[in-house]
C-alpha atoms as a PDB file:
ATOM      1  CA  MET A   1     -26.909  27.602  34.306  1.00  0.00           C
ATOM      2  CA  THR A   2     -29.346  25.522  32.315  1.00  0.00           C
ATOM      3  CA  LYS A   3     -28.087  22.908  29.919  1.00  0.00           C
ATOM      4  CA  PRO A   4     -29.186  23.602  26.362  1.00  0.00           C
ATOM      5  CA  LYS A   5     -31.511  21.063  24.866  1.00  0.00           C
ATOM      6  CA  GLU A   6     -29.980  18.710  22.383  1.00  0.00           C
ATOM      7  CA  GLU A   7     -31.317  19.068  18.901  1.00  0.00           C
ATOM      8  CA  VAL A   8     -33.198  15.987  17.772  1.00  0.00           C
ATOM      9  CA  ARG A   9     -33.314  15.222  14.097  1.00  0.00           C
ATOM     10  CA  THR A  10     -35.735  12.797  12.577  1.00  0.00           C
ATOM     11  CA  LEU A  11     -35.040  11.066   9.298  1.00  0.00           C
ATOM     12  CA  ALA A  12     -37.986   9.714   7.382  1.00  0.00           C
ATOM     13  CA  LEU A  13     -36.896   6.983   5.013  1.00  0.00           C
ATOM     14  CA  ASP A  14     -39.016   5.948   2.094  1.00  0.00           C
ATOM     15  CA  PRO A  15     -40.553   2.583   3.096  1.00  0.00           C
ATOM     16  CA  ASN A  16     -41.196   1.691  -0.553  1.00  0.00           C
ATOM     17  CA  PRO A  17     -38.300   3.001  -2.653  1.00  0.00           C
ATOM     18  CA  LYS A  18     -38.848   2.667  -6.381  1.00  0.00           C
ATOM     19  CA  GLY A  19     -35.234   2.529  -7.474  1.00  0.00           C
ATOM     20  CA  GLU A  20     -35.954   3.929 -10.922  1.00  0.00           C
ATOM     21  CA  LEU A  21     -32.316   5.092 -11.155  1.00  0.00           C
ATOM     22  CA  LYS A  22     -30.763   1.933  -9.735  1.00  0.00           C
ATOM     23  CA  ASP A  23     -28.714   1.475 -12.910  1.00  0.00           C
ATOM     24  CA  LEU A  24     -26.792   4.610 -11.916  1.00  0.00           C
ATOM     25  CA  GLY A  25     -26.085   3.891  -8.249  1.00  0.00           C
ATOM     26  CA  GLY A  26     -27.100   0.318  -7.486  1.00  0.00           C
ATOM     27  CA  SER A  27     -29.513   1.336  -4.732  1.00  0.00           C
ATOM     28  CA  ARG A  28     -33.278   1.027  -4.381  1.00  0.00           C
ATOM     29  CA  SER A  29     -33.220   4.592  -3.100  1.00  0.00           C
ATOM     30  CA  ASP A  30     -33.122   7.204  -5.832  1.00  0.00           C
ATOM     31  CA  ASP A  31     -31.943   9.766  -3.263  1.00  0.00           C
ATOM     32  CA  TRP A  32     -28.702   7.815  -3.011  1.00  0.00           C
ATOM     33  CA  ASN A  33     -28.482   7.235  -6.753  1.00  0.00           C
ATOM     34  CA  MET A  34     -28.869  10.950  -7.491  1.00  0.00           C
ATOM     35  CA  ARG A  35     -26.392  11.955  -4.794  1.00  0.00           C
ATOM     36  CA  LEU A  36     -23.786   9.568  -6.182  1.00  0.00           C
ATOM     37  CA  LEU A  37     -24.433  10.851  -9.695  1.00  0.00           C
ATOM     38  CA  ASN A  38     -23.996  14.469  -8.590  1.00  0.00           C
ATOM     39  CA  LEU A  39     -20.756  13.635  -6.784  1.00  0.00           C
ATOM     40  CA  VAL A  40     -19.360  11.875  -9.848  1.00  0.00           C
ATOM     41  CA  GLY A  41     -20.382  14.732 -12.117  1.00  0.00           C
ATOM     42  CA  SER A  42     -18.736  17.351  -9.930  1.00  0.00           C
ATOM     43  CA  SER A  43     -15.510  15.295  -9.729  1.00  0.00           C
ATOM     44  CA  LEU A  44     -14.961  15.179 -13.494  1.00  0.00           C
ATOM     45  CA  PRO A  45     -11.984  17.269 -14.674  1.00  0.00           C
ATOM     46  CA  ILE A  46     -14.036  19.377 -17.068  1.00  0.00           C
ATOM     47  CA  ASN A  47     -15.028  23.009 -17.398  1.00  0.00           C
ATOM     48  CA  HIS A  48     -18.179  23.035 -15.284  1.00  0.00           C
ATOM     49  CA  SER A  49     -18.929  26.634 -16.273  1.00  0.00           C
ATOM     50  CA  ASP A  50     -19.619  25.362 -19.790  1.00  0.00           C
ATOM     51  CA  ALA A  51     -23.085  23.915 -19.295  1.00  0.00           C
ATOM     52  CA  LYS A  52     -23.237  22.171 -22.669  1.00  0.00           C
ATOM     53  CA  ALA A  53     -19.863  20.463 -22.364  1.00  0.00           C
ATOM     54  CA  SER A  54     -20.536  19.561 -18.734  1.00  0.00           C
ATOM     55  CA  ASN A  55     -23.910  18.008 -19.521  1.00  0.00           C
ATOM     56  CA  GLU A  56     -22.446  15.993 -22.392  1.00  0.00           C
ATOM     57  CA  ALA A  57     -19.648  14.648 -20.183  1.00  0.00           C
ATOM     58  CA  ILE A  58     -21.993  13.695 -17.347  1.00  0.00           C
ATOM     59  CA  LYS A  59     -24.389  12.075 -19.813  1.00  0.00           C
ATOM     60  CA  ALA A  60     -21.562   9.973 -21.241  1.00  0.00           C
ATOM     61  CA  VAL A  61     -20.486   8.878 -17.754  1.00  0.00           C
ATOM     62  CA  CYS A  62     -24.083   7.965 -16.898  1.00  0.00           C
ATOM     63  CA  GLN A  63     -24.362   5.860 -20.037  1.00  0.00           C
ATOM     64  CA  ALA A  64     -21.159   3.995 -19.230  1.00  0.00           C
ATOM     65  CA  THR A  65     -22.373   3.409 -15.662  1.00  0.00           C
ATOM     66  CA  VAL A  66     -25.618   1.942 -16.985  1.00  0.00           C
ATOM     67  CA  ASP A  67     -23.614  -0.368 -19.243  1.00  0.00           C
ATOM     68  CA  ILE A  68     -21.578  -1.623 -16.284  1.00  0.00           C
ATOM     69  CA  ALA A  69     -24.869  -2.013 -14.350  1.00  0.00           C
ATOM     70  CA  PRO A  70     -24.135  -1.732 -10.604  1.00  0.00           C
ATOM     71  CA  ALA A  71     -26.036  -4.469  -8.786  1.00  0.00           C
ATOM     72  CA  ASP A  72     -25.893  -2.873  -5.321  1.00  0.00           C
ATOM     73  CA  PRO A  73     -24.647   0.322  -3.602  1.00  0.00           C
ATOM     74  CA  ILE A  74     -21.170  -1.163  -3.119  1.00  0.00           C
ATOM     75  CA  GLU A  75     -20.786  -1.633  -6.854  1.00  0.00           C
ATOM     76  CA  GLY A  76     -22.261   1.829  -7.321  1.00  0.00           C
ATOM     77  CA  ILE A  77     -19.499   3.324  -5.146  1.00  0.00           C
ATOM     78  CA  LEU A  78     -16.746   1.370  -6.882  1.00  0.00           C
ATOM     79  CA  ILE A  79     -18.024   2.295 -10.335  1.00  0.00           C
ATOM     80  CA  ALA A  80     -18.347   5.953  -9.360  1.00  0.00           C
ATOM     81  CA  GLN A  81     -14.744   6.009  -8.158  1.00  0.00           C
ATOM     82  CA  LEU A  82     -13.703   4.118 -11.286  1.00  0.00           C
ATOM     83  CA  MET A  83     -15.258   6.801 -13.477  1.00  0.00           C
ATOM     84  CA  ALA A  84     -13.596   9.626 -11.551  1.00  0.00           C
ATOM     85  CA  ALA A  85     -10.190   7.901 -11.512  1.00  0.00           C
ATOM     86  CA  ASN A  86     -10.365   7.132 -15.227  1.00  0.00           C
ATOM     87  CA  GLU A  87     -11.187  10.741 -16.086  1.00  0.00           C
ATOM     88  CA  ALA A  88      -8.401  11.994 -13.811  1.00  0.00           C
ATOM     89  CA  SER A  89      -5.868   9.592 -15.308  1.00  0.00           C
ATOM     90  CA  LEU A  90      -6.629  10.581 -18.892  1.00  0.00           C
ATOM     91  CA  ALA A  91      -6.651  14.281 -17.988  1.00  0.00           C
ATOM     92  CA  MET A  92      -3.201  13.963 -16.388  1.00  0.00           C
ATOM     93  CA  TYR A  93      -1.855  12.121 -19.415  1.00  0.00           C
ATOM     94  CA  ARG A  94      -3.194  14.864 -21.652  1.00  0.00           C
ATOM     95  CA  LYS A  95      -1.639  17.600 -19.512  1.00  0.00           C
ATOM     96  CA  GLY A  96       1.641  15.718 -19.304  1.00  0.00           C
ATOM     97  CA  TRP A  97       2.100  15.393 -23.038  1.00  0.00           C
ATOM     98  CA  ALA A  98       0.959  18.998 -23.536  1.00  0.00           C
ATOM     99  CA  GLN A  99       3.986  20.249 -21.589  1.00  0.00           C
ATOM    100  CA  PRO A 100       6.790  21.663 -23.780  1.00  0.00           C
ATOM    101  CA  PRO A 101       9.787  19.308 -24.119  1.00  0.00           C
ATOM    102  CA  GLU A 102      11.987  21.696 -22.163  1.00  0.00           C
ATOM    103  CA  TYR A 103       9.740  21.296 -19.121  1.00  0.00           C
ATOM    104  CA  PHE A 104      10.893  17.737 -18.574  1.00  0.00           C
ATOM    105  CA  GLN A 105      10.293  17.689 -14.817  1.00  0.00           C
ATOM    106  CA  ALA A 106       6.727  18.961 -15.181  1.00  0.00           C
ATOM    107  CA  ARG A 107       5.984  16.387 -17.866  1.00  0.00           C
ATOM    108  CA  THR A 108       7.466  13.607 -15.738  1.00  0.00           C
ATOM    109  CA  LYS A 109       5.411  14.652 -12.725  1.00  0.00           C
ATOM    110  CA  TYR A 110       2.164  14.612 -14.676  1.00  0.00           C
ATOM    111  CA  LEU A 111       2.878  11.272 -16.346  1.00  0.00           C
ATOM    112  CA  GLN A 112       4.518   9.257 -13.586  1.00  0.00           C
ATOM    113  CA  GLN A 113       3.309  10.660 -10.284  1.00  0.00           C
ATOM    114  CA  LEU A 114      -0.228  11.622 -11.269  1.00  0.00           C
ATOM    115  CA  ALA A 115      -1.398   9.850 -14.437  1.00  0.00           C
ATOM    116  CA  ASP A 116       0.193   6.479 -13.686  1.00  0.00           C
ATOM    117  CA  LYS A 117      -1.070   6.532 -10.103  1.00  0.00           C
ATOM    118  CA  ALA A 118      -4.628   7.227 -11.248  1.00  0.00           C
ATOM    119  CA  ALA A 119      -4.314   4.482 -13.879  1.00  0.00           C
ATOM    120  CA  ARG A 120      -3.286   1.991 -11.188  1.00  0.00           C
ATOM    121  CA  THR A 121      -6.313   3.072  -9.171  1.00  0.00           C
ATOM    122  CA  VAL A 122      -8.536   2.322 -12.175  1.00  0.00           C
ATOM    123  CA  MET A 123      -7.044  -1.174 -12.443  1.00  0.00           C
ATOM    124  CA  MET A 124      -7.467  -1.806  -8.711  1.00  0.00           C
ATOM    125  CA  LEU A 125     -11.106  -0.669  -8.734  1.00  0.00           C
ATOM    126  CA  THR A 126     -11.845  -2.854 -11.755  1.00  0.00           C
ATOM    127  CA  GLU A 127     -10.415  -5.867  -9.940  1.00  0.00           C
ATOM    128  CA  ARG A 128     -12.447  -5.064  -6.823  1.00  0.00           C
ATOM    129  CA  ILE A 129     -15.649  -4.911  -8.880  1.00  0.00           C
ATOM    130  CA  ASP A 130     -14.885  -8.287 -10.456  1.00  0.00           C
ATOM    131  CA  HIS A 131     -14.038  -9.758  -7.041  1.00  0.00           C
ATOM    132  CA  HIS A 132     -17.250  -8.376  -5.519  1.00  0.00           C
ATOM    133  CA  ARG A 133     -19.343  -9.819  -8.304  1.00  0.00           C
ATOM    134  CA  GLY A 134     -17.593 -13.187  -8.162  1.00  0.00           C
ATOM    135  CA  ARG A 135     -17.555 -13.190  -4.331  1.00  0.00           C
ATOM    136  CA  GLY A 136     -14.191 -14.955  -4.557  1.00  0.00           C
ATOM    137  CA  GLN A 137     -15.785 -18.198  -5.729  1.00  0.00           C
ATOM    138  CA  GLN A 138     -13.630 -20.795  -7.448  1.00  0.00           C
ATOM    139  CA  GLN A 139     -14.763 -23.607  -9.672  1.00  0.00           C
ATOM    140  CA  ILE A 140     -12.975 -26.908  -9.085  1.00  0.00           C
ATOM    141  CA  THR A 141     -13.205 -29.660 -11.688  1.00  0.00           C
ATOM    142  CA  VAL A 142     -12.397 -33.231 -10.623  1.00  0.00           C
ATOM    143  CA  LYS A 143     -11.484 -35.697 -13.349  1.00  0.00           C
ATOM    144  CA  HIS A 144     -11.713 -39.415 -12.627  1.00  0.00           C
ATOM    145  CA  VAL A 145      -9.093 -41.630 -14.238  1.00  0.00           C
ATOM    146  CA  THR A 146      -9.613 -45.342 -14.786  1.00  0.00           C
ATOM    147  CA  THR A 147      -6.924 -47.880 -15.699  1.00  0.00           C
ATOM    148  CA  ASN A 148      -6.847 -51.626 -16.307  1.00  0.00           C
ATOM    149  CA  ASN A 149      -6.289 -52.327 -12.607  1.00  0.00           C
ATOM    150  CA  VAL A 150      -8.650 -49.709 -11.200  1.00  0.00           C
ATOM    151  CA  THR A 151     -12.424 -49.733 -11.608  1.00  0.00           C
ATOM    152  CA  ALA A 152     -14.633 -46.686 -11.857  1.00  0.00           C
ATOM    153  CA  ASP A 153     -15.469 -46.982  -8.157  1.00  0.00           C
ATOM    154  CA  GLN A 154     -11.761 -47.035  -7.331  1.00  0.00           C
ATOM    155  CA  ALA A 155     -10.790 -44.046  -9.471  1.00  0.00           C
ATOM    156  CA  ILE A 156      -7.541 -42.468  -8.406  1.00  0.00           C
ATOM    157  CA  ILE A 157      -7.646 -38.686  -8.328  1.00  0.00           C
ATOM    158  CA  ALA A 158      -3.884 -38.396  -7.890  1.00  0.00           C
ATOM    159  CA  GLU A 159      -0.924 -40.587  -7.068  1.00  0.00           C
ATOM    160  CA  SER A 160      -0.750 -38.992  -3.639  1.00  0.00           C
ATOM    161  CA  VAL A 161      -2.405 -36.250  -1.645  1.00  0.00           C
ATOM    162  CA  THR A 162      -0.140 -33.817   0.152  1.00  0.00           C
ATOM    163  CA  THR A 163      -1.497 -31.905   3.114  1.00  0.00           C
ATOM    164  CA  GLY A 164      -0.386 -28.505   4.320  1.00  0.00           C
ATOM    165  CA  GLY A 165       2.129 -30.081   6.669  1.00  0.00           C
ATOM    166  CA  GLY A 166       3.943 -31.820   3.843  1.00  0.00           C
ATOM    167  CA  HIS A 167       2.841 -35.372   4.753  1.00  0.00           C
ATOM    168  CA  THR A 168       1.852 -37.618   1.871  1.00  0.00           C
ATOM    169  CA  ALA A 169      -0.986 -40.124   1.991  1.00  0.00           C
ATOM    170  CA  PRO A 170      -0.020 -43.551   0.630  1.00  0.00           C
ATOM    171  CA  PRO A 171      -1.428 -44.357  -2.845  1.00  0.00           C
ATOM    172  CA  ALA A 172      -2.944 -47.567  -1.472  1.00  0.00           C
ATOM    173  CA  LEU A 173      -5.385 -45.498   0.581  1.00  0.00           C
ATOM    174  CA  LEU A 174      -6.367 -43.394  -2.419  1.00  0.00           C
ATOM    175  CA  ALA A 175      -7.070 -46.419  -4.584  1.00  0.00           C
ATOM    176  CA  ALA A 176      -9.157 -48.180  -1.960  1.00  0.00           C
ATOM    177  CA  SER A 177     -12.631 -49.093  -3.145  1.00  0.00           C
ATOM    178  CA  SER A 178     -15.640 -48.011  -1.179  1.00  0.00           C
ATOM    179  CA  ALA A 179     -16.843 -51.623  -1.302  1.00  0.00           C
ATOM    180  CA  ALA A 180     -13.522 -53.182  -0.264  1.00  0.00           C
ATOM    181  CA  PRO A 181     -12.204 -53.054   3.311  1.00  0.00           C
ATOM    182  CA  MET A 182      -9.706 -50.295   3.993  1.00  0.00           C
ATOM    183  CA  PRO A 183      -6.103 -51.543   4.321  1.00  0.00           C
ATOM    184  CA  ILE A 184      -4.580 -51.602   7.776  1.00  0.00           C
ATOM    185  CA  LEU A 185      -2.121 -48.778   8.190  1.00  0.00           C
ATOM    186  CA  GLY A 186       0.409 -51.077   9.802  1.00  0.00           C
ATOM    187  CA  GLU A 187       0.565 -53.185   6.636  1.00  0.00           C
ATOM    188  CA  ILE A 188       1.514 -50.195   4.486  1.00  0.00           C
ATOM    189  CA  LYS A 189       5.158 -49.289   4.224  1.00  0.00           C
ATOM    190  CA  GLN A 190       5.500 -45.789   5.614  1.00  0.00           C
ATOM    191  CA  PRO A 191       8.138 -43.497   4.053  1.00  0.00           C
ATOM    192  CA  ASP A 192      10.952 -42.145   6.187  1.00  0.00           C
ATOM    193  CA  PRO A 193      10.078 -38.404   6.207  1.00  0.00           C
ATOM    194  CA  VAL A 194      13.320 -37.112   7.701  1.00  0.00           C
ATOM    195  CA  GLY A 195      15.791 -39.729   6.463  1.00  0.00           C
ATOM    196  CA  LEU A 196      16.809 -40.995   9.890  1.00  0.00           C
ATOM    197  CA  GLY A 197      16.893 -44.622   8.809  1.00  0.00           C
ATOM    198  CA  ARG A 198      13.840 -45.673  10.762  1.00  0.00           C
ATOM    199  CA  GLY A 199      12.396 -47.740   7.903  1.00  0.00           C
ATOM    200  CA  GLU A 200      12.700 -51.473   7.603  1.00  0.00           C
ATOM    201  CA  LYS A 201      15.260 -53.163   9.795  1.00  0.00           C
ATOM    202  CA  THR A 202      17.948 -55.145   8.060  1.00  0.00           C
ATOM    203  CA  LYS A 203      18.466 -58.669   9.209  1.00  0.00           C
END
């Protein structure tokens, strides 16, 4: 019995993608951008048999995507899911409130289990987009404080610096000037961290 030959598929990628539709999918490849656009369009909770209404909805989603401006394919994916989740959430809210008052359980299911869940997804995706764009960077501002006894070179950032282990650096070390010699640790009164009375000995 002869083993059947394995089918070999060759993919030819565009070496010079133009990315004319990058504002829709964030990619330099318009094949990806169009695929993502088609997937988003087909996921919208609209009557797709109505060509006019469908085209208007997809056009509106495309315009909003361009306004958000995905910078890369990751943002393109997040924005696409954001659009779909937003449409789903609003559709479920609409269906929930359209239920007659006597169908309380049906209304509750649409509003709480479906609409609220989709709304939370929208919020989560929005936060992920912001986090991706900010890359989790934080801006730290250091303010130098000068007093009568401390020069600009000896600026104290804080009275003490506490490390993760809960130990506190003595203020004398923080106020030490870069030009002056550093104080000897043995000359600095160390606090008793556990209150065992191992501080200064009484005479």
